[in-house]
């Protein structure tokens, strides 16, 4: 369950919210590379923006404050 205050942020849907929770736990808390989750984050973000040219590193840094794992 994710609480979203519409005045502070907009929901991107359940799939995005679940992915973000999993990424925070995997990449930030546990320090895992989480490459598949990072890829899915870039895909969902590009899909929501209606674009296919969003650099994954920029998406990751914007959403999580993390640099891309290469």
C-alpha atoms as a PDB file:
ATOM      1  CA  UNK A   1       0.000   0.000   0.000  1.00  0.00           C
ATOM      2  CA  UNK A   2       1.322   3.414  -0.950  1.00  0.00           C
ATOM      3  CA  UNK A   3      -0.111   6.662   0.307  1.00  0.00           C
ATOM      4  CA  UNK A   4      -0.084   9.452  -2.259  1.00  0.00           C
ATOM      5  CA  UNK A   5      -1.069  13.004  -1.422  1.00  0.00           C
ATOM      6  CA  UNK A   6      -2.308  14.496  -4.697  1.00  0.00           C
ATOM      7  CA  UNK A   7      -1.179  17.946  -3.553  1.00  0.00           C
ATOM      8  CA  UNK A   8       2.447  16.828  -3.202  1.00  0.00           C
ATOM      9  CA  UNK A   9       2.869  14.226  -5.936  1.00  0.00           C
ATOM     10  CA  UNK A  10       1.006  12.416  -8.664  1.00  0.00           C
ATOM     11  CA  UNK A  11       0.564   8.674  -8.761  1.00  0.00           C
ATOM     12  CA  UNK A  12       2.065   6.848 -11.707  1.00  0.00           C
ATOM     13  CA  UNK A  13       0.126   3.683 -10.935  1.00  0.00           C
ATOM     14  CA  UNK A  14       0.490   0.559  -8.884  1.00  0.00           C
ATOM     15  CA  UNK A  15       3.165  -1.024 -11.096  1.00  0.00           C
ATOM     16  CA  UNK A  16       5.404   2.038 -10.777  1.00  0.00           C
ATOM     17  CA  UNK A  17       4.837   2.298  -7.020  1.00  0.00           C
ATOM     18  CA  UNK A  18       5.717  -1.384  -6.506  1.00  0.00           C
ATOM     19  CA  UNK A  19       8.804  -1.040  -8.677  1.00  0.00           C
ATOM     20  CA  UNK A  20       9.996   2.014  -6.738  1.00  0.00           C
ATOM     21  CA  UNK A  21       9.559   0.221  -3.401  1.00  0.00           C
ATOM     22  CA  UNK A  22      11.491  -2.780  -4.686  1.00  0.00           C
ATOM     23  CA  UNK A  23      14.233  -0.530  -6.090  1.00  0.00           C
ATOM     24  CA  UNK A  24      14.611   1.413  -2.849  1.00  0.00           C
ATOM     25  CA  UNK A  25      14.987  -1.809  -0.877  1.00  0.00           C
ATOM     26  CA  UNK A  26      17.277  -3.542  -3.389  1.00  0.00           C
ATOM     27  CA  UNK A  27      19.468  -0.700  -4.609  1.00  0.00           C
ATOM     28  CA  UNK A  28      19.574   1.675  -1.650  1.00  0.00           C
ATOM     29  CA  UNK A  29      19.014  -0.427   1.478  1.00  0.00           C
ATOM     30  CA  UNK A  30      20.750  -3.634   0.359  1.00  0.00           C
ATOM     31  CA  UNK A  31      23.216  -2.058  -2.096  1.00  0.00           C
ATOM     32  CA  UNK A  32      22.391  -4.572  -4.835  1.00  0.00           C
ATOM     33  CA  UNK A  33      22.924  -3.696  -8.524  1.00  0.00           C
ATOM     34  CA  UNK A  34      19.207  -4.337  -9.330  1.00  0.00           C
ATOM     35  CA  UNK A  35      19.888  -4.090 -13.077  1.00  0.00           C
ATOM     36  CA  UNK A  36      16.530  -5.559 -14.130  1.00  0.00           C
ATOM     37  CA  UNK A  37      14.634  -3.199 -11.843  1.00  0.00           C
ATOM     38  CA  UNK A  38      16.610  -0.214 -13.136  1.00  0.00           C
ATOM     39  CA  UNK A  39      15.813  -1.203 -16.715  1.00  0.00           C
ATOM     40  CA  UNK A  40      12.100  -1.510 -15.910  1.00  0.00           C
ATOM     41  CA  UNK A  41      12.160   1.924 -14.231  1.00  0.00           C
ATOM     42  CA  UNK A  42      13.552   3.486 -17.415  1.00  0.00           C
ATOM     43  CA  UNK A  43      10.935   1.668 -19.516  1.00  0.00           C
ATOM     44  CA  UNK A  44       7.994   2.714 -17.354  1.00  0.00           C
ATOM     45  CA  UNK A  45       9.193   6.308 -17.178  1.00  0.00           C
ATOM     46  CA  UNK A  46       9.686   6.532 -20.947  1.00  0.00           C
ATOM     47  CA  UNK A  47       6.277   4.960 -21.511  1.00  0.00           C
ATOM     48  CA  UNK A  48       4.597   7.453 -19.168  1.00  0.00           C
ATOM     49  CA  UNK A  49       6.356  10.335 -20.921  1.00  0.00           C
ATOM     50  CA  UNK A  50       5.438   9.021 -24.359  1.00  0.00           C
ATOM     51  CA  UNK A  51       9.108   8.974 -25.354  1.00  0.00           C
ATOM     52  CA  UNK A  52      11.683   6.352 -26.156  1.00  0.00           C
ATOM     53  CA  UNK A  53      14.818   8.482 -25.962  1.00  0.00           C
ATOM     54  CA  UNK A  54      15.111   9.092 -22.213  1.00  0.00           C
ATOM     55  CA  UNK A  55      18.618   8.250 -20.941  1.00  0.00           C
ATOM     56  CA  UNK A  56      18.287   5.569 -18.272  1.00  0.00           C
ATOM     57  CA  UNK A  57      20.986   7.154 -16.101  1.00  0.00           C
ATOM     58  CA  UNK A  58      19.072  10.422 -15.957  1.00  0.00           C
ATOM     59  CA  UNK A  59      15.841   8.587 -15.100  1.00  0.00           C
ATOM     60  CA  UNK A  60      17.543   6.659 -12.274  1.00  0.00           C
ATOM     61  CA  UNK A  61      19.210   9.730 -10.836  1.00  0.00           C
ATOM     62  CA  UNK A  62      16.001  11.749 -11.026  1.00  0.00           C
ATOM     63  CA  UNK A  63      13.868   9.068  -9.363  1.00  0.00           C
ATOM     64  CA  UNK A  64      16.327   7.571  -6.878  1.00  0.00           C
ATOM     65  CA  UNK A  65      19.360   9.806  -6.672  1.00  0.00           C
ATOM     66  CA  UNK A  66      21.480   6.904  -7.939  1.00  0.00           C
ATOM     67  CA  UNK A  67      23.962   6.747 -10.752  1.00  0.00           C
ATOM     68  CA  UNK A  68      23.540   4.143 -13.450  1.00  0.00           C
ATOM     69  CA  UNK A  69      25.349   0.838 -12.932  1.00  0.00           C
ATOM     70  CA  UNK A  70      27.501   0.001 -15.944  1.00  0.00           C
END
